[in-house]
Protein backbone atom coordinates (compact mmCIF):
# COMPACT_ATOMS: atom_id res chain seq x y z
CA MET A 1 -2.24 -5.13 8.68
CA ALA A 2 0.95 -5.06 6.60
CA THR A 3 0.78 -3.59 3.11
CA PHE A 4 2.61 -5.52 0.41
CA LYS A 5 3.65 -4.26 -2.97
CA VAL A 6 1.60 -5.98 -5.65
CA SER A 7 3.13 -6.48 -9.08
CA ARG A 8 1.21 -6.91 -12.31
CA VAL A 9 3.32 -9.31 -14.33
CA GLN A 10 2.80 -9.39 -18.08
CA THR A 11 2.27 -12.89 -19.49
CA SER A 12 0.66 -14.72 -22.40
CA PRO A 13 -1.46 -17.88 -22.76
CA ILE A 14 0.22 -21.27 -22.48
CA ASP A 15 -1.32 -24.18 -24.35
CA GLY A 16 -2.59 -27.30 -22.64
CA GLN A 17 -3.86 -25.93 -19.32
CA LYS A 18 -7.29 -27.59 -19.48
CA PRO A 19 -8.07 -29.09 -16.04
CA GLY A 20 -9.44 -32.60 -15.95
CA THR A 21 -11.72 -34.19 -13.38
CA SER A 22 -8.87 -34.11 -10.87
CA GLY A 23 -7.38 -30.76 -11.84
CA LEU A 24 -4.31 -30.01 -13.93
CA ARG A 25 -1.57 -32.65 -13.95
CA LYS A 26 1.73 -32.34 -15.78
CA LYS A 27 5.38 -33.18 -15.32
CA VAL A 28 7.26 -31.10 -12.77
CA THR A 29 9.47 -29.77 -15.57
CA VAL A 30 6.35 -28.33 -17.21
CA PHE A 31 5.08 -26.67 -14.03
CA LYS A 32 8.50 -25.11 -13.50
CA GLN A 33 8.37 -23.31 -16.83
CA PRO A 34 8.14 -19.51 -16.50
CA HIS A 35 4.60 -18.31 -15.69
CA TYR A 36 3.08 -21.81 -16.01
CA LEU A 37 1.73 -22.21 -12.47
CA HIS A 38 1.11 -18.47 -12.13
CA ASN A 39 -1.11 -18.43 -15.23
CA PHE A 40 -3.25 -21.29 -13.97
CA VAL A 41 -3.67 -19.85 -10.46
CA GLN A 42 -4.62 -16.39 -11.79
CA SER A 43 -7.05 -17.96 -14.26
CA THR A 44 -8.66 -19.77 -11.32
CA PHE A 45 -9.04 -16.59 -9.27
CA ASP A 46 -10.53 -14.82 -12.28
CA ALA A 47 -13.06 -17.65 -12.73
CA LEU A 48 -14.40 -17.28 -9.18
CA SER A 49 -16.91 -14.73 -7.96
CA ALA A 50 -15.44 -11.76 -6.10
CA SER A 51 -16.92 -12.94 -2.79
CA LYS A 52 -14.91 -16.14 -3.05
CA VAL A 53 -11.64 -14.19 -3.37
CA LYS A 54 -11.73 -10.69 -1.86
CA GLY A 55 -11.48 -10.97 1.91
CA ALA A 56 -11.88 -14.75 1.70
CA THR A 57 -10.13 -17.62 3.45
CA LEU A 58 -8.44 -20.33 1.37
CA VAL A 59 -6.81 -23.64 2.20
CA VAL A 60 -3.50 -24.39 0.45
CA SER A 61 -1.83 -27.77 1.04
CA GLY A 62 -1.05 -31.06 -0.62
CA ASP A 63 0.66 -34.41 -0.48
CA GLY A 64 4.19 -32.99 -0.16
CA ARG A 65 5.46 -34.16 -3.52
CA TYR A 66 8.36 -32.47 -5.30
CA PHE A 67 7.74 -28.76 -6.15
CA SER A 68 5.02 -28.44 -3.47
CA LYS A 69 6.99 -26.03 -1.27
CA ASP A 70 7.69 -23.69 -4.18
CA ALA A 71 4.11 -23.91 -5.40
CA ILE A 72 2.68 -23.11 -1.95
CA GLN A 73 4.78 -19.94 -1.74
CA ILE A 74 3.67 -18.83 -5.20
CA ILE A 75 0.00 -19.46 -4.42
CA ILE A 76 0.21 -17.58 -1.10
CA GLN A 77 1.84 -14.59 -2.81
CA MET A 78 -0.79 -14.57 -5.54
CA SER A 79 -3.59 -15.02 -3.00
CA ALA A 80 -2.43 -11.94 -1.11
CA ALA A 81 -2.14 -9.94 -4.33
CA ASN A 82 -5.68 -10.91 -5.35
CA GLY A 83 -7.19 -9.82 -2.05
CA VAL A 84 -7.50 -13.11 -0.15
CA ARG A 85 -7.58 -12.25 3.55
CA ARG A 86 -6.07 -15.42 5.01
CA VAL A 87 -4.61 -18.74 3.92
CA TRP A 88 -4.73 -21.90 6.02
CA VAL A 89 -1.76 -24.19 5.34
CA GLY A 90 -1.24 -27.64 6.79
CA GLN A 91 1.87 -28.25 8.88
CA ASN A 92 4.83 -28.37 6.48
CA GLY A 93 2.32 -27.89 3.68
CA LEU A 94 0.87 -31.37 4.23
CA LEU A 95 -2.83 -32.25 4.20
CA SER A 96 -4.50 -35.28 2.68
CA THR A 97 -7.20 -34.51 0.14
CA PRO A 98 -10.00 -35.69 2.48
CA ALA A 99 -8.48 -33.59 5.26
CA VAL A 100 -8.65 -30.50 3.03
CA SER A 101 -12.30 -31.21 2.33
CA CYS A 102 -12.94 -31.57 6.05
CA VAL A 103 -11.13 -28.32 6.88
CA ILE A 104 -13.21 -26.44 4.31
CA ARG A 105 -16.45 -27.84 5.68
CA GLU A 106 -15.79 -27.88 9.41
CA ARG A 107 -13.06 -25.49 10.49
CA VAL A 108 -14.13 -22.12 11.89
CA GLY A 109 -11.57 -19.38 12.42
CA ALA A 110 -11.26 -17.33 15.61
CA ASP A 111 -13.27 -14.55 13.97
CA GLY A 112 -15.94 -16.94 12.73
CA SER A 113 -14.52 -17.22 9.21
CA LYS A 114 -14.80 -20.35 7.07
CA ALA A 115 -12.85 -21.33 3.97
CA THR A 116 -14.45 -20.62 0.60
CA GLY A 117 -12.21 -23.01 -1.30
CA SER A 118 -8.79 -24.56 -1.63
CA PHE A 119 -5.85 -25.27 -3.89
CA ILE A 120 -4.83 -28.91 -3.44
CA LEU A 121 -1.36 -29.79 -4.69
CA THR A 122 -1.34 -33.45 -5.66
CA ALA A 123 -1.09 -35.81 -8.59
CA SER A 124 -2.81 -38.51 -6.54
CA HIS A 125 -1.35 -41.99 -7.13
CA ASN A 126 1.08 -40.81 -9.82
CA PRO A 127 4.83 -40.82 -9.02
CA GLY A 128 6.57 -37.72 -7.68
CA GLY A 129 10.06 -36.34 -8.18
CA PRO A 130 12.00 -33.78 -10.23
CA HIS A 131 11.08 -35.53 -13.48
CA GLU A 132 7.75 -37.02 -12.42
CA ASP A 133 4.24 -35.66 -11.92
CA PHE A 134 2.79 -32.62 -10.18
CA GLY A 135 -0.80 -31.53 -9.97
CA ILE A 136 -3.08 -28.72 -8.80
CA LYS A 137 -6.83 -28.64 -8.41
CA TYR A 138 -9.37 -26.27 -6.92
CA ASN A 139 -12.04 -27.43 -4.47
CA MET A 140 -15.12 -25.33 -3.74
CA GLU A 141 -16.71 -24.18 -0.47
CA ASN A 142 -18.59 -27.48 -0.14
CA GLY A 143 -15.22 -29.26 0.06
CA GLY A 144 -15.60 -30.94 -3.32
CA PRO A 145 -13.84 -30.48 -6.68
CA ALA A 146 -14.79 -27.51 -8.83
CA PRO A 147 -17.68 -28.37 -11.20
CA GLU A 148 -17.33 -28.19 -14.97
CA GLY A 149 -18.89 -24.74 -15.06
CA VAL A 150 -15.93 -23.42 -13.06
CA THR A 151 -13.21 -25.52 -14.71
CA ASP A 152 -14.46 -24.43 -18.13
CA LYS A 153 -14.08 -20.78 -17.06
CA ILE A 154 -10.60 -21.52 -15.75
CA TYR A 155 -9.60 -23.08 -19.07
CA ALA A 156 -11.11 -20.19 -21.04
CA ASN A 157 -9.13 -17.74 -18.92
CA THR A 158 -5.87 -19.62 -19.55
CA LYS A 159 -6.35 -18.97 -23.28
CA THR A 160 -6.75 -15.20 -22.92
CA ILE A 161 -4.66 -14.28 -19.87
CA LYS A 162 -2.47 -11.19 -20.25
CA GLU A 163 -1.22 -10.59 -16.70
CA TYR A 164 -1.23 -12.02 -13.20
CA LEU A 165 -1.00 -10.42 -9.77
CA ILE A 166 1.63 -11.39 -7.23
CA ALA A 167 2.86 -9.88 -3.98
CA GLU A 168 6.59 -9.35 -3.90
CA ASP A 169 8.68 -11.64 -1.74
CA ILE A 170 8.91 -10.38 1.83
CA PRO A 171 11.57 -10.22 3.08
CA ASP A 172 14.29 -9.97 0.45
CA GLU A 173 16.99 -12.42 1.41
CA ASP A 174 19.65 -9.75 0.92
CA PHE A 175 17.45 -7.06 2.51
CA GLY A 176 17.10 -5.38 -0.85
CA GLY A 177 20.84 -4.91 -1.10
CA GLY A 178 20.74 -2.64 1.94
CA HIS A 179 22.11 -2.85 5.47
CA PRO A 180 19.42 -4.02 7.95
CA ASP A 181 20.40 -1.58 10.70
CA PRO A 182 17.73 0.94 11.78
CA ASN A 183 19.57 4.24 11.88
CA LEU A 184 19.76 7.51 9.98
CA THR A 185 22.46 6.22 7.66
CA TYR A 186 21.06 2.91 6.49
CA ALA A 187 17.31 3.69 6.54
CA LYS A 188 17.81 6.22 3.75
CA GLU A 189 14.41 5.82 2.09
CA LEU A 190 12.53 6.23 5.36
CA VAL A 191 14.70 9.15 6.45
CA ALA A 192 14.06 10.92 3.16
CA ARG A 193 10.33 10.18 3.31
CA MET A 194 10.18 11.68 6.81
CA GLY A 195 11.75 14.93 5.61
CA LEU A 196 15.15 14.35 7.19
CA GLY A 197 17.14 13.80 4.02
CA LYS A 198 19.24 16.33 2.17
CA GLU A 199 16.48 16.96 -0.36
CA LYS A 200 12.91 18.06 0.19
CA PRO A 201 10.46 15.14 -0.12
CA GLN A 202 8.01 15.31 -3.01
CA ASN A 203 5.07 14.90 -0.63
CA GLU A 204 4.40 16.19 2.86
CA PRO A 205 6.11 13.79 5.30
CA PRO A 206 3.90 11.52 7.43
CA GLU A 207 3.54 12.15 11.15
CA PHE A 208 5.17 8.90 12.22
CA GLY A 209 7.82 6.59 10.84
CA ALA A 210 9.68 3.61 12.27
CA ALA A 211 12.27 1.04 11.25
CA ALA A 212 13.54 -2.27 12.61
CA ASP A 213 16.59 -4.38 11.84
CA GLY A 214 16.58 -7.81 10.21
CA ASP A 215 15.33 -9.72 13.23
CA ALA A 216 13.21 -6.80 14.51
CA ASP A 217 14.87 -6.50 17.91
CA ARG A 218 16.24 -2.99 17.27
CA ASN A 219 14.14 0.02 16.36
CA MET A 220 14.27 3.62 15.23
CA VAL A 221 11.43 6.10 15.77
CA LEU A 222 10.93 9.21 13.65
CA GLY A 223 8.42 12.02 13.57
CA LYS A 224 7.85 14.47 10.76
CA ARG A 225 11.30 16.02 10.23
CA PHE A 226 12.27 14.78 13.68
CA PHE A 227 14.57 12.03 14.95
CA VAL A 228 14.06 10.48 18.40
CA THR A 229 17.33 9.30 19.94
CA PRO A 230 17.23 5.80 21.44
CA SER A 231 18.09 7.24 24.87
CA ASP A 232 15.16 9.67 24.72
CA SER A 233 12.87 6.98 23.33
CA VAL A 234 13.18 4.59 26.28
CA ALA A 235 12.85 7.49 28.74
CA ILE A 236 9.66 8.73 27.07
CA ILE A 237 8.17 5.23 26.94
CA ALA A 238 8.87 4.80 30.66
CA ALA A 239 7.42 8.21 31.51
CA ASN A 240 4.16 7.43 29.67
CA ALA A 241 3.88 3.66 30.11
CA VAL A 242 1.35 3.50 32.94
CA GLN A 243 -1.12 5.83 31.21
CA SER A 244 -0.60 4.58 27.66
CA ILE A 245 0.11 0.84 27.78
CA PRO A 246 -2.49 -1.45 29.44
CA TYR A 247 0.19 -4.03 30.32
CA PHE A 248 1.68 -1.48 32.72
CA SER A 249 -1.58 -0.10 34.12
CA SER A 250 -0.71 -1.34 37.61
CA GLY A 251 2.67 0.41 37.53
CA LEU A 252 6.30 -0.19 36.61
CA LYS A 253 8.51 -2.45 38.73
CA GLY A 254 11.61 -0.51 37.76
CA VAL A 255 13.65 0.69 34.78
CA ALA A 256 17.18 0.08 33.53
CA ARG A 257 19.63 1.25 30.88
CA SER A 258 23.09 0.28 29.69
CA MET A 259 25.88 2.42 31.12
CA PRO A 260 26.76 4.25 27.85
CA THR A 261 23.10 5.18 27.25
CA SER A 262 22.24 8.75 28.22
CA ALA A 263 20.86 9.43 31.69
CA ALA A 264 17.47 10.57 30.38
CA LEU A 265 15.92 7.45 31.92
CA ASP A 266 17.55 8.20 35.29
CA VAL A 267 15.71 11.51 35.57
CA VAL A 268 12.37 9.86 34.78
CA ALA A 269 13.01 7.19 37.41
CA GLN A 270 13.83 9.85 39.99
CA HIS A 271 10.71 11.88 39.20
CA LEU A 272 8.43 8.82 39.29
CA ASN A 273 10.17 7.22 42.28
CA LEU A 274 11.03 4.07 40.32
CA LYS A 275 13.78 1.56 40.95
CA PHE A 276 16.64 2.31 38.58
CA PHE A 277 19.54 0.15 37.40
CA GLU A 278 22.60 1.01 35.32
CA VAL A 279 24.07 -2.13 33.77
CA PRO A 280 26.97 -3.02 31.45
CA THR A 281 26.37 -3.29 27.72
CA GLY A 282 24.59 -6.59 26.97
CA TRP A 283 20.91 -7.56 27.13
CA LYS A 284 21.60 -10.49 29.47
CA PHE A 285 21.99 -8.05 32.37
CA PHE A 286 18.43 -6.81 31.86
CA GLY A 287 17.14 -10.39 31.84
CA ASN A 288 18.39 -11.07 35.36
CA LEU A 289 16.60 -7.97 36.65
CA MET A 290 13.37 -8.92 34.88
CA ASP A 291 13.42 -12.49 36.17
CA ALA A 292 13.75 -11.07 39.69
CA GLY A 293 10.78 -8.73 39.17
CA LEU A 294 12.94 -5.61 39.40
CA CYS A 295 12.62 -4.13 35.91
CA SER A 296 9.74 -3.45 33.52
CA VAL A 297 11.25 -1.20 30.82
CA CYS A 298 14.86 -1.00 29.62
CA GLY A 299 16.97 0.23 26.75
CA GLU A 300 20.37 0.91 25.27
CA GLU A 301 21.83 3.61 23.04
CA SER A 302 22.35 1.21 20.14
CA PHE A 303 18.64 1.26 19.24
CA GLY A 304 17.55 -1.50 21.61
CA THR A 305 14.36 -1.09 23.65
CA GLY A 306 12.29 -3.66 25.52
CA SER A 307 10.13 -4.66 28.44
CA ASP A 308 9.61 -7.64 30.71
CA HIS A 309 6.98 -9.22 28.44
CA ILE A 310 9.92 -11.15 26.91
CA ARG A 311 13.66 -11.42 27.57
CA GLU A 312 14.96 -9.87 24.36
CA LYS A 313 14.91 -6.34 23.07
CA ASP A 314 11.81 -5.88 20.93
CA GLY A 315 11.74 -3.35 18.11
CA ILE A 316 8.11 -4.02 17.19
CA TRP A 317 7.05 -3.58 20.82
CA ALA A 318 8.87 -0.23 21.00
CA VAL A 319 7.07 1.02 17.90
CA LEU A 320 3.71 -0.12 19.29
CA ALA A 321 4.55 1.60 22.57
CA TRP A 322 5.08 4.86 20.71
CA LEU A 323 1.83 4.41 18.79
CA SER A 324 0.05 3.84 22.11
CA ILE A 325 1.52 7.07 23.48
CA LEU A 326 0.47 8.96 20.36
CA ALA A 327 -3.03 7.49 20.61
CA LEU A 328 -3.38 8.65 24.21
CA LYS A 329 -2.07 12.14 23.49
CA ASN A 330 -4.48 12.48 20.57
CA LYS A 331 -7.59 10.96 22.12
CA ASP A 332 -9.34 14.35 22.00
CA ASN A 333 -8.31 15.04 18.40
CA LEU A 334 -10.45 12.45 16.65
CA SER A 335 -12.67 15.16 15.17
CA GLY A 336 -9.82 16.57 13.14
CA GLY A 337 -8.08 18.86 15.61
CA LYS A 338 -4.36 19.61 15.52
CA LEU A 339 -2.42 16.43 16.13
CA VAL A 340 -0.01 16.04 19.00
CA THR A 341 3.10 15.01 17.09
CA VAL A 342 6.18 12.98 17.95
CA GLU A 343 8.13 16.22 18.16
CA ASP A 344 5.50 17.70 20.52
CA ILE A 345 5.80 14.70 22.84
CA VAL A 346 9.60 14.84 22.89
CA THR A 347 9.84 18.60 23.41
CA LYS A 348 7.27 18.46 26.22
CA HIS A 349 9.29 15.66 27.80
CA TRP A 350 12.40 17.85 27.62
CA ALA A 351 10.51 20.74 29.22
CA THR A 352 9.53 18.46 32.11
CA TYR A 353 12.67 16.41 32.64
CA GLY A 354 15.38 18.38 30.87
CA ARG A 355 17.27 17.38 27.76
CA HIS A 356 20.30 15.13 27.49
CA TYR A 357 22.21 16.25 24.41
CA TYR A 358 24.10 13.17 23.34
CA THR A 359 26.54 11.92 20.76
CA ARG A 360 29.01 9.08 20.27
CA TYR A 361 32.40 9.15 18.59
CA ASP A 362 33.95 5.86 17.44
CA TYR A 363 37.67 5.65 16.73
CA GLU A 364 38.03 2.37 14.85
CA ASN A 365 41.15 0.31 14.11
CA VAL A 366 43.29 2.28 16.53
CA ASP A 367 46.63 0.70 17.42
CA ALA A 368 45.79 -1.59 20.34
CA GLY A 369 48.80 -0.51 22.36
CA ALA A 370 48.00 3.17 21.92
CA ALA A 371 44.36 2.57 22.85
CA LYS A 372 45.35 0.80 26.07
CA GLU A 373 47.76 3.61 26.92
CA LEU A 374 44.97 6.16 26.50
CA MET A 375 42.65 4.22 28.81
CA SER A 376 45.42 3.77 31.39
CA TYR A 377 46.09 7.50 31.27
CA LEU A 378 42.41 8.26 31.91
CA VAL A 379 42.30 5.86 34.88
CA LYS A 380 45.44 7.43 36.37
CA LEU A 381 44.00 10.91 35.84
CA GLN A 382 40.97 9.98 37.95
CA SER A 383 43.11 9.68 41.09
CA SER A 384 42.89 13.44 41.69
CA LEU A 385 39.61 15.25 40.95
CA PRO A 386 41.15 18.66 41.72
CA ASP A 387 43.74 18.03 39.01
CA VAL A 388 41.03 16.87 36.60
CA ASN A 389 38.96 19.99 37.21
CA LYS A 390 42.01 22.23 36.88
CA ILE A 391 42.70 20.73 33.45
CA ILE A 392 39.05 21.06 32.43
CA LYS A 393 38.79 24.70 33.48
CA GLY A 394 41.96 25.37 31.54
CA ILE A 395 40.28 23.96 28.47
CA ARG A 396 36.79 25.45 28.89
CA SER A 397 35.71 27.68 31.76
CA ASP A 398 32.05 27.28 30.75
CA VAL A 399 31.98 23.54 31.55
CA SER A 400 30.75 22.21 34.90
CA SER A 401 33.07 20.52 37.41
CA VAL A 402 33.61 16.76 37.68
CA VAL A 403 32.18 15.38 40.93
CA LYS A 404 32.91 11.70 40.32
CA ALA A 405 35.32 9.78 38.11
CA ASP A 406 35.58 6.01 38.04
CA GLU A 407 35.94 2.84 36.01
CA PHE A 408 32.44 1.42 35.87
CA GLU A 409 31.97 -1.85 37.73
CA TYR A 410 28.64 -3.64 38.06
CA LYS A 411 27.53 -5.99 40.80
CA ASP A 412 24.41 -7.87 39.76
CA PRO A 413 21.81 -7.40 42.51
CA VAL A 414 20.30 -10.80 41.69
CA ASP A 415 23.20 -13.26 41.52
CA GLY A 416 26.00 -11.13 42.95
CA SER A 417 28.25 -11.54 39.89
CA ILE A 418 30.68 -8.70 39.23
CA SER A 419 31.54 -7.21 35.83
CA LYS A 420 34.69 -5.08 35.87
CA HIS A 421 36.37 -2.65 33.45
CA GLN A 422 33.13 -1.67 31.72
CA GLY A 423 34.20 1.86 30.83
CA ILE A 424 35.73 5.02 32.24
CA ARG A 425 33.30 7.68 33.43
CA TYR A 426 33.58 11.37 34.26
CA LEU A 427 30.38 12.58 35.93
CA PHE A 428 29.78 16.33 36.11
CA LYS A 429 27.95 18.40 38.71
CA ASP A 430 25.30 19.51 36.21
CA GLY A 431 24.43 15.91 35.25
CA SER A 432 26.62 15.76 32.15
CA ARG A 433 28.90 12.79 31.43
CA LEU A 434 31.92 11.67 29.48
CA VAL A 435 32.32 7.92 28.95
CA PHE A 436 35.25 6.13 27.31
CA ARG A 437 35.00 2.45 26.36
CA LEU A 438 37.51 0.15 24.71
CA SER A 439 36.65 -2.87 22.58
CA GLY A 440 38.33 -5.20 20.11
CA THR A 441 41.95 -5.16 21.21
CA GLY A 442 43.03 -7.92 18.83
CA SER A 443 45.42 -7.94 15.89
CA GLU A 444 43.05 -5.86 13.76
CA GLY A 445 43.26 -2.91 16.14
CA ALA A 446 41.00 -1.53 18.83
CA THR A 447 37.91 0.65 18.85
CA ILE A 448 37.62 3.52 21.31
CA ARG A 449 34.06 4.69 21.88
CA LEU A 450 33.59 8.15 23.35
CA TYR A 451 30.14 9.06 24.66
CA ILE A 452 29.47 12.76 25.26
CA GLU A 453 26.38 13.85 27.14
CA GLN A 454 25.39 17.41 28.11
CA TYR A 455 22.39 17.78 30.42
CA MET A 456 20.29 20.94 30.18
CA LYS A 457 17.55 21.25 32.80
CA ASP A 458 16.52 24.80 31.91
CA PRO A 459 13.50 24.52 29.54
CA SER A 460 14.71 27.60 27.67
CA LYS A 461 17.85 25.70 26.64
CA THR A 462 16.33 22.40 25.52
CA GLY A 463 15.72 23.56 21.95
CA ARG A 464 19.33 24.31 21.10
CA ASP A 465 21.17 22.74 18.23
CA SER A 466 22.76 19.51 19.43
CA GLN A 467 26.24 20.17 18.06
CA GLU A 468 26.23 23.66 19.51
CA ALA A 469 25.15 22.43 22.94
CA LEU A 470 27.76 19.66 22.94
CA ALA A 471 30.66 21.70 21.56
CA PRO A 472 32.21 22.72 24.92
CA LEU A 473 32.08 19.18 26.29
CA VAL A 474 33.43 17.73 23.05
CA ASP A 475 36.36 20.11 23.31
CA VAL A 476 36.98 19.01 26.90
CA ALA A 477 36.70 15.29 26.06
CA LEU A 478 39.20 15.38 23.22
CA LYS A 479 41.76 17.52 25.03
CA LEU A 480 41.37 15.91 28.45
CA SER A 481 41.92 12.45 26.95
CA LYS A 482 44.70 13.62 24.59
CA MET A 483 42.84 11.65 21.95
CA GLN A 484 44.84 12.89 18.99
CA ALA A 485 48.18 12.49 20.76
CA PHE A 486 47.48 8.86 21.70
CA THR A 487 45.66 7.73 18.55
CA GLY A 488 47.03 10.00 15.86
CA ARG A 489 43.43 10.69 14.83
CA SER A 490 42.18 14.24 14.34
CA ALA A 491 38.59 13.06 13.86
CA PRO A 492 36.48 10.01 14.74
CA THR A 493 35.69 7.26 12.27
CA VAL A 494 32.04 7.45 13.29
CA ASP A 495 30.35 10.59 14.55
CA ASP A 496 26.73 10.50 15.74
CA GLY A 497 25.10 13.85 16.12
CA SER A 498 23.50 16.77 14.38
CA GLY A 499 24.01 20.48 14.01
CA CYS A 500 23.47 23.62 11.99
CA ILE A 501 25.28 24.42 8.77
CA PRO A 502 25.22 28.20 8.43
CA CYS A 503 28.07 28.75 5.99
CA ILE A 504 29.26 30.44 2.86
CA LEU A 505 30.77 28.38 0.08
CA TRP A 506 31.79 28.52 -3.54
CA LEU A 507 30.02 25.91 -5.61
CA ASN A 508 31.81 23.46 -7.89
CA GLN A 509 35.30 23.94 -6.52
CA SER A 510 37.63 20.97 -6.77
CA PRO A 511 38.83 19.36 -3.54
CA ASP A 512 42.33 20.71 -4.13
CA SER A 513 41.08 24.29 -4.32
CA PRO A 514 42.68 26.59 -1.72
CA TYR A 515 39.19 27.57 -0.63
CA PHE A 516 38.79 24.12 0.88
CA ALA A 517 41.91 24.31 3.01
CA ARG A 518 40.12 24.89 6.29
CA ARG A 519 37.11 22.61 5.79
CA ASN A 520 36.44 19.02 4.88
CA PRO A 521 36.01 18.97 1.06
CA LEU A 522 33.35 16.27 1.29
CA ASP A 523 31.24 18.42 3.61
CA ALA A 524 31.46 21.36 1.24
CA ILE A 525 30.64 19.28 -1.82
CA LEU A 526 27.58 17.82 -0.10
CA MET A 527 26.46 21.28 0.91
CA ALA A 528 26.91 22.39 -2.67
CA GLU A 529 24.69 19.54 -3.84
CA ALA A 530 22.06 20.52 -1.31
CA SER A 531 22.15 24.20 -2.16
CA SER A 532 21.90 23.62 -5.89
CA ALA A 533 18.58 21.87 -5.33
CA TYR A 534 17.06 24.66 -3.29
CA ALA A 535 17.47 27.89 -5.24
CA ALA A 536 16.77 28.45 -8.91
CA ASP A 537 19.19 31.35 -9.17
CA VAL A 538 22.10 29.33 -7.73
CA ARG A 539 24.37 27.85 -10.34
CA LEU A 540 27.60 25.93 -10.22
CA GLY A 541 30.32 28.48 -9.71
CA SER A 542 28.09 30.76 -7.63
CA LEU A 543 29.04 32.04 -4.23
CA VAL A 544 26.15 31.06 -1.96
CA ARG A 545 25.09 31.31 1.63
CA VAL A 546 23.56 28.11 3.03
CA ARG A 547 21.62 27.70 6.24
CA GLY A 548 20.11 24.42 7.33
CA ARG A 549 20.76 21.29 9.30
CA VAL A 550 23.38 18.60 9.04
CA THR A 551 23.00 15.19 10.64
CA PHE A 552 25.96 12.91 11.26
CA PHE A 553 25.33 9.26 11.95
CA ARG A 554 27.59 6.22 11.74
CA GLY A 555 30.02 8.07 9.51
CA ALA A 556 27.46 9.39 7.02
CA LEU A 557 26.46 13.01 6.51
CA GLN A 558 22.94 14.10 5.60
CA ILE A 559 21.98 17.69 4.88
CA THR A 560 18.66 19.52 4.97
CA ALA A 561 19.10 23.01 3.56
CA THR A 562 16.39 25.45 4.63
CA ASP A 563 17.73 28.68 3.13
CA VAL A 564 20.01 29.10 0.14
CA VAL A 565 20.73 32.49 -1.43
CA THR A 566 23.36 33.85 -3.76
CA GLU A 567 26.03 35.83 -1.92
CA ARG A 568 26.50 39.22 -3.62
CA ASP A 569 29.50 40.36 -1.59
CA PRO A 570 32.63 39.27 -3.47
CA ASN A 571 34.71 39.80 -0.34
CA ALA A 572 32.80 37.20 1.72
CA GLU A 573 35.16 34.66 3.25
CA ILE A 574 34.85 31.31 1.58
CA LEU A 575 33.60 28.54 3.88
CA HIS A 576 33.53 30.85 6.87
CA TRP A 577 31.13 29.42 9.43
CA ILE A 578 28.98 32.17 10.91
CA SER A 579 27.06 32.33 14.18
CA GLU A 580 23.33 31.91 14.39
């Protein structure tokens, strides 16, 4: 069950709230005064016995007159805050008074529950409208109006009320002023609570955290101090689906991913002998496969995960899938044993299937002509793999050879439709990939998306730092594509990834200090902020050594410092990055 924040709102008595034989009736303008309706509703709850409120079922409806919709929302919020378990509301908030009485007396919920009372919003035969009448009355569990003993208590409470309880509006129409995108940048509160922010959380992080976007079709899954990439998430769900999710107990029909998504799902499909499909970006391609009975689980790198229970990506389903996996892995730990954590599940998955280190660079608002030239150059380069590999080995000898290079084209196995020019791929012998995609070639400029994926099958190498593992392939991607020469950009607009931050820096230096010449000033300043929070003997102006973790996502930088000490050697090189 969802937990809502309950507010205790300070108020004071308002004269004239004595209910008559048919409840409280006043002009709409009176009911719309601050706290007026709230005071009366709270006074009613306080007049009832606890059994009629806590865990109870109430009916809330009326004749639809002006102010009814607003009043219904207020009463529902206050009902939740006061512990009411469920509220039955007529369609569009409409129920005749006799219908309300009948519902109270006759309706039985799926769990056997019956209503213990109702708020009826009506002024009976009186006129309605912005300047006309509104009314509210409470009916008891027998379906009839509250007796004088109850209405007298309500009136007495209205003369002494000091506060009322109300659940905050869910959702906020502006999403609380935030950006409703479930990732490490925008879900700042959750990220910090899970121990992945730049400061230590006040309390021990929980074992599981999740976020969804505004319409709940995207999702992000987090463990304690651990981020699950979307590519790993769909692969792990597929690998554990049959054992963990009853819907799939008879087996998976197949799995699919979008082309830019890492190949973690491919390896699972191969191990489990499942049908596998690689489709262009766009959920519609998954729908065709599902309708044909070819795909059960699918996902994309942009935080979309789903199954064939519906034809949209489903963030809530993905979170429930993870909870099901956790429940299965911990079925023998109910007596208080050591929990199998999200991180445990992911690292065990890597040990079994290998790890796909993965990041995405976005170069936004690039000159459209330059972007097209870059893509044309990459296509032309693919005509000779020996030449490609010669260039690559000249850049990095420790990178595997390219065994296939193409421009991805998809033929739908269901309707035969063909989607061309979906991205340029370089596939390496060791299972690694480079993918270049172009989008938005209009007057505002183009976006080049570069996907870099390094596959490590050796279990001893699956625990490496992501940035360290990807560094050779990043070097190859940027130099092979001549990214800076074509775009004029020395760095991406958006950089997804994570890495270590072993470094030495001088705190509180201005961005124009010569010590910042070789490093991004913003990075250093953020590290300085992190370090100052982690060591009592570190002061602004100190030379410090920082070790920890930095996470890049969608252009934002988050730092978790794990070790900060004052550097005593005055000859230490400022901002010199040292090896692990």
